Amino acid sequence: MRPFPKHSELGRLADTVAGSLDRLGSGWSQGKFLKASLIAGGLAALTAGSAGISSLRRREERAKVGS
């Protein structure tokens, strides 16, 4: 028997998130957490997409100027 069970990095992350949600979740339902997560994820994706498009445009402009 092991006195301290070892978890993978993902397992430790899941335990940390679950503990945090237990402390936070007094007035929040699981649906609200899911909705907030989806909104935050969508915002992050839009930001990353916008940065990618800007980067491509700058590359194209540099290529036109350099030729």
PDB file of N, CA and C in Angstrom:
ATOM      1  N   MET A   1       0.835  -1.179   0.000  1.00  0.00           N
ATOM      2  CA  MET A   1       0.000   0.000   0.000  1.00  0.00           C
ATOM      3  C   MET A   1       0.883   1.247   0.000  1.00  0.00           C
ATOM      4  N   ARG A   2       0.562   2.174  -0.847  1.00  0.00           N
ATOM      5  CA  ARG A   2       1.321   3.423  -0.938  1.00  0.00           C
ATOM      6  C   ARG A   2       0.683   4.484  -0.048  1.00  0.00           C
ATOM      7  N   PRO A   3       1.488   5.153   0.750  1.00  0.00           N
ATOM      8  CA  PRO A   3       0.904   6.210   1.579  1.00  0.00           C
ATOM      9  C   PRO A   3       0.507   7.441   0.766  1.00  0.00           C
ATOM     10  N   PHE A   4       1.241   7.715  -0.321  1.00  0.00           N
ATOM     11  CA  PHE A   4       0.943   8.864  -1.166  1.00  0.00           C
ATOM     12  C   PHE A   4       0.748   8.380  -2.592  1.00  0.00           C
ATOM     13  N   PRO A   5      -0.495   8.297  -3.045  1.00  0.00           N
ATOM     14  CA  PRO A   5      -0.701   7.832  -4.425  1.00  0.00           C
ATOM     15  C   PRO A   5      -0.183   8.859  -5.426  1.00  0.00           C
ATOM     16  N   LYS A   6       0.490   8.374  -6.439  1.00  0.00           N
ATOM     17  CA  LYS A   6       1.029   9.276  -7.462  1.00  0.00           C
ATOM     18  C   LYS A   6       0.015   9.427  -8.582  1.00  0.00           C
ATOM     19  N   HIS A   7      -0.197  10.645  -8.993  1.00  0.00           N
ATOM     20  CA  HIS A   7      -1.097  10.941 -10.104  1.00  0.00           C
ATOM     21  C   HIS A   7      -0.275  11.448 -11.277  1.00  0.00           C
ATOM     22  N   SER A   8      -0.821  11.281 -12.431  1.00  0.00           N
ATOM     23  CA  SER A   8      -0.200  11.889 -13.598  1.00  0.00           C
ATOM     24  C   SER A   8      -0.420  13.403 -13.525  1.00  0.00           C
ATOM     25  N   GLU A   9       0.256  14.123 -14.387  1.00  0.00           N
ATOM     26  CA  GLU A   9       0.098  15.574 -14.401  1.00  0.00           C
ATOM     27  C   GLU A   9      -1.356  15.953 -14.691  1.00  0.00           C
ATOM     28  N   LEU A  10      -1.982  15.220 -15.599  1.00  0.00           N
ATOM     29  CA  LEU A  10      -3.384  15.492 -15.925  1.00  0.00           C
ATOM     30  C   LEU A  10      -4.286  15.185 -14.736  1.00  0.00           C
ATOM     31  N   GLY A  11      -3.981  14.119 -14.013  1.00  0.00           N
ATOM     32  CA  GLY A  11      -4.768  13.766 -12.830  1.00  0.00           C
ATOM     33  C   GLY A  11      -4.678  14.831 -11.748  1.00  0.00           C
ATOM     34  N   ARG A  12      -3.467  15.358 -11.540  1.00  0.00           N
ATOM     35  CA  ARG A  12      -3.299  16.433 -10.549  1.00  0.00           C
ATOM     36  C   ARG A  12      -4.056  17.686 -10.976  1.00  0.00           C
ATOM     37  N   LEU A  13      -4.020  17.999 -12.275  1.00  0.00           N
ATOM     38  CA  LEU A  13      -4.747  19.164 -12.781  1.00  0.00           C
ATOM     39  C   LEU A  13      -6.246  18.991 -12.555  1.00  0.00           C
ATOM     40  N   ALA A  14      -6.754  17.797 -12.854  1.00  0.00           N
ATOM     41  CA  ALA A  14      -8.189  17.533 -12.661  1.00  0.00           C
ATOM     42  C   ALA A  14      -8.568  17.664 -11.188  1.00  0.00           C
ATOM     43  N   ASP A  15      -7.723  17.163 -10.280  1.00  0.00           N
ATOM     44  CA  ASP A  15      -7.996  17.291  -8.849  1.00  0.00           C
ATOM     45  C   ASP A  15      -7.998  18.749  -8.410  1.00  0.00           C
ATOM     46  N   THR A  16      -7.059  19.530  -8.931  1.00  0.00           N
ATOM     47  CA  THR A  16      -6.972  20.946  -8.581  1.00  0.00           C
ATOM     48  C   THR A  16      -8.205  21.702  -9.062  1.00  0.00           C
ATOM     49  N   VAL A  17      -8.605  21.450 -10.305  1.00  0.00           N
ATOM     50  CA  VAL A  17      -9.781  22.124 -10.863  1.00  0.00           C
ATOM     51  C   VAL A  17     -11.034  21.728 -10.094  1.00  0.00           C
ATOM     52  N   ALA A  18     -11.166  20.443  -9.799  1.00  0.00           N
ATOM     53  CA  ALA A  18     -12.343  19.981  -9.063  1.00  0.00           C
ATOM     54  C   ALA A  18     -12.401  20.628  -7.680  1.00  0.00           C
ATOM     55  N   GLY A  19     -11.257  20.725  -7.008  1.00  0.00           N
ATOM     56  CA  GLY A  19     -11.222  21.363  -5.692  1.00  0.00           C
ATOM     57  C   GLY A  19     -11.579  22.836  -5.769  1.00  0.00           C
ATOM     58  N   SER A  20     -11.069  23.504  -6.776  1.00  0.00           N
ATOM     59  CA  SER A  20     -11.380  24.927  -6.941  1.00  0.00           C
ATOM     60  C   SER A  20     -12.860  25.140  -7.220  1.00  0.00           C
ATOM     61  N   LEU A  21     -13.423  24.293  -8.065  1.00  0.00           N
ATOM     62  CA  LEU A  21     -14.843  24.436  -8.388  1.00  0.00           C
ATOM     63  C   LEU A  21     -15.717  24.131  -7.178  1.00  0.00           C
ATOM     64  N   ASP A  22     -15.284  23.188  -6.347  1.00  0.00           N
ATOM     65  CA  ASP A  22     -16.051  22.902  -5.132  1.00  0.00           C
ATOM     66  C   ASP A  22     -16.091  24.123  -4.221  1.00  0.00           C
ATOM     67  N   ARG A  23     -14.959  24.819  -4.112  1.00  0.00           N
ATOM     68  CA  ARG A  23     -14.905  26.011  -3.256  1.00  0.00           C
ATOM     69  C   ARG A  23     -15.684  27.172  -3.860  1.00  0.00           C
ATOM     70  N   LEU A  24     -15.622  27.299  -5.175  1.00  0.00           N
ATOM     71  CA  LEU A  24     -16.298  28.408  -5.848  1.00  0.00           C
ATOM     72  C   LEU A  24     -17.788  28.179  -6.011  1.00  0.00           C
ATOM     73  N   GLY A  25     -18.167  26.937  -6.165  1.00  0.00           N
ATOM     74  CA  GLY A  25     -19.474  26.600  -6.691  1.00  0.00           C
ATOM     75  C   GLY A  25     -20.662  26.749  -5.791  1.00  0.00           C
ATOM     76  N   SER A  26     -20.602  27.544  -4.763  1.00  0.00           N
ATOM     77  CA  SER A  26     -21.752  27.637  -3.876  1.00  0.00           C
ATOM     78  C   SER A  26     -23.000  28.156  -4.592  1.00  0.00           C
ATOM     79  N   GLY A  27     -22.870  29.156  -5.450  1.00  0.00           N
ATOM     80  CA  GLY A  27     -24.042  29.707  -6.126  1.00  0.00           C
ATOM     81  C   GLY A  27     -24.067  29.405  -7.612  1.00  0.00           C
ATOM     82  N   TRP A  28     -23.137  28.585  -8.076  1.00  0.00           N
ATOM     83  CA  TRP A  28     -23.027  28.304  -9.502  1.00  0.00           C
ATOM     84  C   TRP A  28     -23.474  26.878  -9.785  1.00  0.00           C
ATOM     85  N   SER A  29     -24.235  26.724 -10.836  1.00  0.00           N
ATOM     86  CA  SER A  29     -24.613  25.384 -11.266  1.00  0.00           C
ATOM     87  C   SER A  29     -23.591  24.895 -12.290  1.00  0.00           C
ATOM     88  N   GLN A  30     -23.649  23.608 -12.577  1.00  0.00           N
ATOM     89  CA  GLN A  30     -22.732  23.049 -13.560  1.00  0.00           C
ATOM     90  C   GLN A  30     -22.984  23.676 -14.932  1.00  0.00           C
ATOM     91  N   GLY A  31     -24.222  23.993 -15.240  1.00  0.00           N
ATOM     92  CA  GLY A  31     -24.555  24.618 -16.507  1.00  0.00           C
ATOM     93  C   GLY A  31     -23.923  25.990 -16.667  1.00  0.00           C
ATOM     94  N   LYS A  32     -23.899  26.764 -15.571  1.00  0.00           N
ATOM     95  CA  LYS A  32     -23.280  28.090 -15.627  1.00  0.00           C
ATOM     96  C   LYS A  32     -21.780  27.973 -15.855  1.00  0.00           C
ATOM     97  N   PHE A  33     -21.144  27.005 -15.186  1.00  0.00           N
ATOM     98  CA  PHE A  33     -19.712  26.796 -15.389  1.00  0.00           C
ATOM     99  C   PHE A  33     -19.431  26.405 -16.829  1.00  0.00           C
ATOM    100  N   LEU A  34     -20.267  25.540 -17.380  1.00  0.00           N
ATOM    101  CA  LEU A  34     -20.084  25.102 -18.757  1.00  0.00           C
ATOM    102  C   LEU A  34     -20.239  26.273 -19.717  1.00  0.00           C
ATOM    103  N   LYS A  35     -21.260  27.076 -19.505  1.00  0.00           N
ATOM    104  CA  LYS A  35     -21.501  28.230 -20.371  1.00  0.00           C
ATOM    105  C   LYS A  35     -20.340  29.220 -20.301  1.00  0.00           C
ATOM    106  N   ALA A  36     -19.864  29.506 -19.090  1.00  0.00           N
ATOM    107  CA  ALA A  36     -18.740  30.428 -18.930  1.00  0.00           C
ATOM    108  C   ALA A  36     -17.486  29.873 -19.599  1.00  0.00           C
ATOM    109  N   SER A  37     -17.277  28.565 -19.491  1.00  0.00           N
ATOM    110  CA  SER A  37     -16.110  27.939 -20.118  1.00  0.00           C
ATOM    111  C   SER A  37     -16.182  28.030 -21.630  1.00  0.00           C
ATOM    112  N   LEU A  38     -17.355  27.797 -22.174  1.00  0.00           N
ATOM    113  CA  LEU A  38     -17.516  27.887 -23.627  1.00  0.00           C
ATOM    114  C   LEU A  38     -17.301  29.311 -24.130  1.00  0.00           C
ATOM    115  N   ILE A  39     -17.801  30.268 -23.397  1.00  0.00           N
ATOM    116  CA  ILE A  39     -17.617  31.667 -23.791  1.00  0.00           C
ATOM    117  C   ILE A  39     -16.132  32.038 -23.735  1.00  0.00           C
ATOM    118  N   ALA A  40     -15.457  31.645 -22.657  1.00  0.00           N
ATOM    119  CA  ALA A  40     -14.025  31.959 -22.524  1.00  0.00           C
ATOM    120  C   ALA A  40     -13.217  31.256 -23.618  1.00  0.00           C
ATOM    121  N   GLY A  41     -13.548  30.008 -23.910  1.00  0.00           N
ATOM    122  CA  GLY A  41     -12.846  29.279 -24.961  1.00  0.00           C
ATOM    123  C   GLY A  41     -13.082  29.901 -26.330  1.00  0.00           C
ATOM    124  N   GLY A  42     -14.309  30.314 -26.590  1.00  0.00           N
ATOM    125  CA  GLY A  42     -14.621  30.959 -27.866  1.00  0.00           C
ATOM    126  C   GLY A  42     -13.890  32.278 -28.028  1.00  0.00           C
ATOM    127  N   LEU A  43     -13.811  33.038 -26.950  1.00  0.00           N
ATOM    128  CA  LEU A  43     -13.092  34.309 -26.996  1.00  0.00           C
ATOM    129  C   LEU A  43     -11.601  34.086 -27.254  1.00  0.00           C
ATOM    130  N   ALA A  44     -11.037  33.073 -26.603  1.00  0.00           N
ATOM    131  CA  ALA A  44      -9.618  32.757 -26.824  1.00  0.00           C
ATOM    132  C   ALA A  44      -9.380  32.330 -28.273  1.00  0.00           C
ATOM    133  N   ALA A  45     -10.297  31.543 -28.823  1.00  0.00           N
ATOM    134  CA  ALA A  45     -10.151  31.099 -30.211  1.00  0.00           C
ATOM    135  C   ALA A  45     -10.247  32.270 -31.188  1.00  0.00           C
ATOM    136  N   LEU A  46     -11.177  33.170 -30.952  1.00  0.00           N
ATOM    137  CA  LEU A  46     -11.308  34.342 -31.818  1.00  0.00           C
ATOM    138  C   LEU A  46     -10.060  35.225 -31.751  1.00  0.00           C
ATOM    139  N   THR A  47      -9.522  35.394 -30.559  1.00  0.00           N
ATOM    140  CA  THR A  47      -8.308  36.200 -30.394  1.00  0.00           C
ATOM    141  C   THR A  47      -7.138  35.567 -31.130  1.00  0.00           C
ATOM    142  N   ALA A  48      -6.980  34.244 -30.978  1.00  0.00           N
ATOM    143  CA  ALA A  48      -5.885  33.548 -31.653  1.00  0.00           C
ATOM    144  C   ALA A  48      -6.055  33.611 -33.169  1.00  0.00           C
ATOM    145  N   GLY A  49      -7.270  33.458 -33.645  1.00  0.00           N
ATOM    146  CA  GLY A  49      -7.528  33.540 -35.082  1.00  0.00           C
ATOM    147  C   GLY A  49      -7.216  34.917 -35.634  1.00  0.00           C
ATOM    148  N   SER A  50      -7.597  35.934 -34.901  1.00  0.00           N
ATOM    149  CA  SER A  50      -7.319  37.304 -35.334  1.00  0.00           C
ATOM    150  C   SER A  50      -5.821  37.566 -35.382  1.00  0.00           C
ATOM    151  N   ALA A  51      -5.097  37.088 -34.392  1.00  0.00           N
ATOM    152  CA  ALA A  51      -3.640  37.264 -34.380  1.00  0.00           C
ATOM    153  C   ALA A  51      -2.999  36.518 -35.546  1.00  0.00           C
ATOM    154  N   GLY A  52      -3.495  35.335 -35.859  1.00  0.00           N
ATOM    155  CA  GLY A  52      -2.968  34.571 -36.988  1.00  0.00           C
ATOM    156  C   GLY A  52      -3.193  35.268 -38.309  1.00  0.00           C
ATOM    157  N   ILE A  53      -4.373  35.821 -38.495  1.00  0.00           N
ATOM    158  CA  ILE A  53      -4.680  36.532 -39.738  1.00  0.00           C
ATOM    159  C   ILE A  53      -3.807  37.782 -39.863  1.00  0.00           C
ATOM    160  N   SER A  54      -3.636  38.511 -38.769  1.00  0.00           N
ATOM    161  CA  SER A  54      -2.775  39.694 -38.801  1.00  0.00           C
ATOM    162  C   SER A  54      -1.348  39.319 -39.162  1.00  0.00           C
ATOM    163  N   SER A  55      -0.865  38.212 -38.606  1.00  0.00           N
ATOM    164  CA  SER A  55       0.491  37.758 -38.903  1.00  0.00           C
ATOM    165  C   SER A  55       0.647  37.418 -40.383  1.00  0.00           C
ATOM    166  N   LEU A  56      -0.349  36.737 -40.946  1.00  0.00           N
ATOM    167  CA  LEU A  56      -0.295  36.400 -42.375  1.00  0.00           C
ATOM    168  C   LEU A  56      -0.307  37.652 -43.243  1.00  0.00           C
ATOM    169  N   ARG A  57      -1.114  38.623 -42.878  1.00  0.00           N
ATOM    170  CA  ARG A  57      -1.163  39.866 -43.655  1.00  0.00           C
ATOM    171  C   ARG A  57       0.178  40.597 -43.613  1.00  0.00           C
ATOM    172  N   ARG A  58       0.805  40.642 -42.424  1.00  0.00           N
ATOM    173  CA  ARG A  58       2.117  41.294 -42.326  1.00  0.00           C
ATOM    174  C   ARG A  58       3.152  40.580 -43.175  1.00  0.00           C
ATOM    175  N   ARG A  59       3.115  39.253 -43.194  1.00  0.00           N
ATOM    176  CA  ARG A  59       4.059  38.494 -44.018  1.00  0.00           C
ATOM    177  C   ARG A  59       3.871  38.808 -45.499  1.00  0.00           C
ATOM    178  N   GLU A  60       2.602  38.861 -45.942  1.00  0.00           N
ATOM    179  CA  GLU A  60       2.328  39.163 -47.332  1.00  0.00           C
ATOM    180  C   GLU A  60       2.805  40.571 -47.695  1.00  0.00           C
ATOM    181  N   GLU A  61       2.597  41.529 -46.794  1.00  0.00           N
ATOM    182  CA  GLU A  61       3.038  42.893 -47.060  1.00  0.00           C
ATOM    183  C   GLU A  61       4.559  42.965 -47.156  1.00  0.00           C
ATOM    184  N   ARG A  62       5.264  42.256 -46.277  1.00  0.00           N
ATOM    185  CA  ARG A  62       6.723  42.241 -46.315  1.00  0.00           C
ATOM    186  C   ARG A  62       7.212  41.593 -47.602  1.00  0.00           C
ATOM    187  N   ALA A  63       6.521  40.550 -48.050  1.00  0.00           N
ATOM    188  CA  ALA A  63       6.925  39.864 -49.283  1.00  0.00           C
ATOM    189  C   ALA A  63       6.737  40.783 -50.488  1.00  0.00           C
ATOM    190  N   LYS A  64       5.673  41.579 -50.516  1.00  0.00           N
ATOM    191  CA  LYS A  64       5.424  42.502 -51.617  1.00  0.00           C
ATOM    192  C   LYS A  64       6.466  43.615 -51.636  1.00  0.00           C
ATOM    193  N   VAL A  65       6.796  44.135 -50.470  1.00  0.00           N
ATOM    194  CA  VAL A  65       7.758  45.225 -50.362  1.00  0.00           C
ATOM    195  C   VAL A  65       9.155  44.719 -50.725  1.00  0.00           C
ATOM    196  N   GLY A  66       9.485  43.508 -50.333  1.00  0.00           N
ATOM    197  CA  GLY A  66      10.815  42.960 -50.585  1.00  0.00           C
ATOM    198  C   GLY A  66      11.058  42.537 -52.026  1.00  0.00           C
ATOM    199  N   SER A  67      10.039  42.337 -52.816  1.00  0.00           N
ATOM    200  CA  SER A  67      10.249  41.859 -54.179  1.00  0.00           C
ATOM    201  C   SER A  67      10.367  42.946 -55.198  1.00  0.00           C
TER     202      SER A  67
END
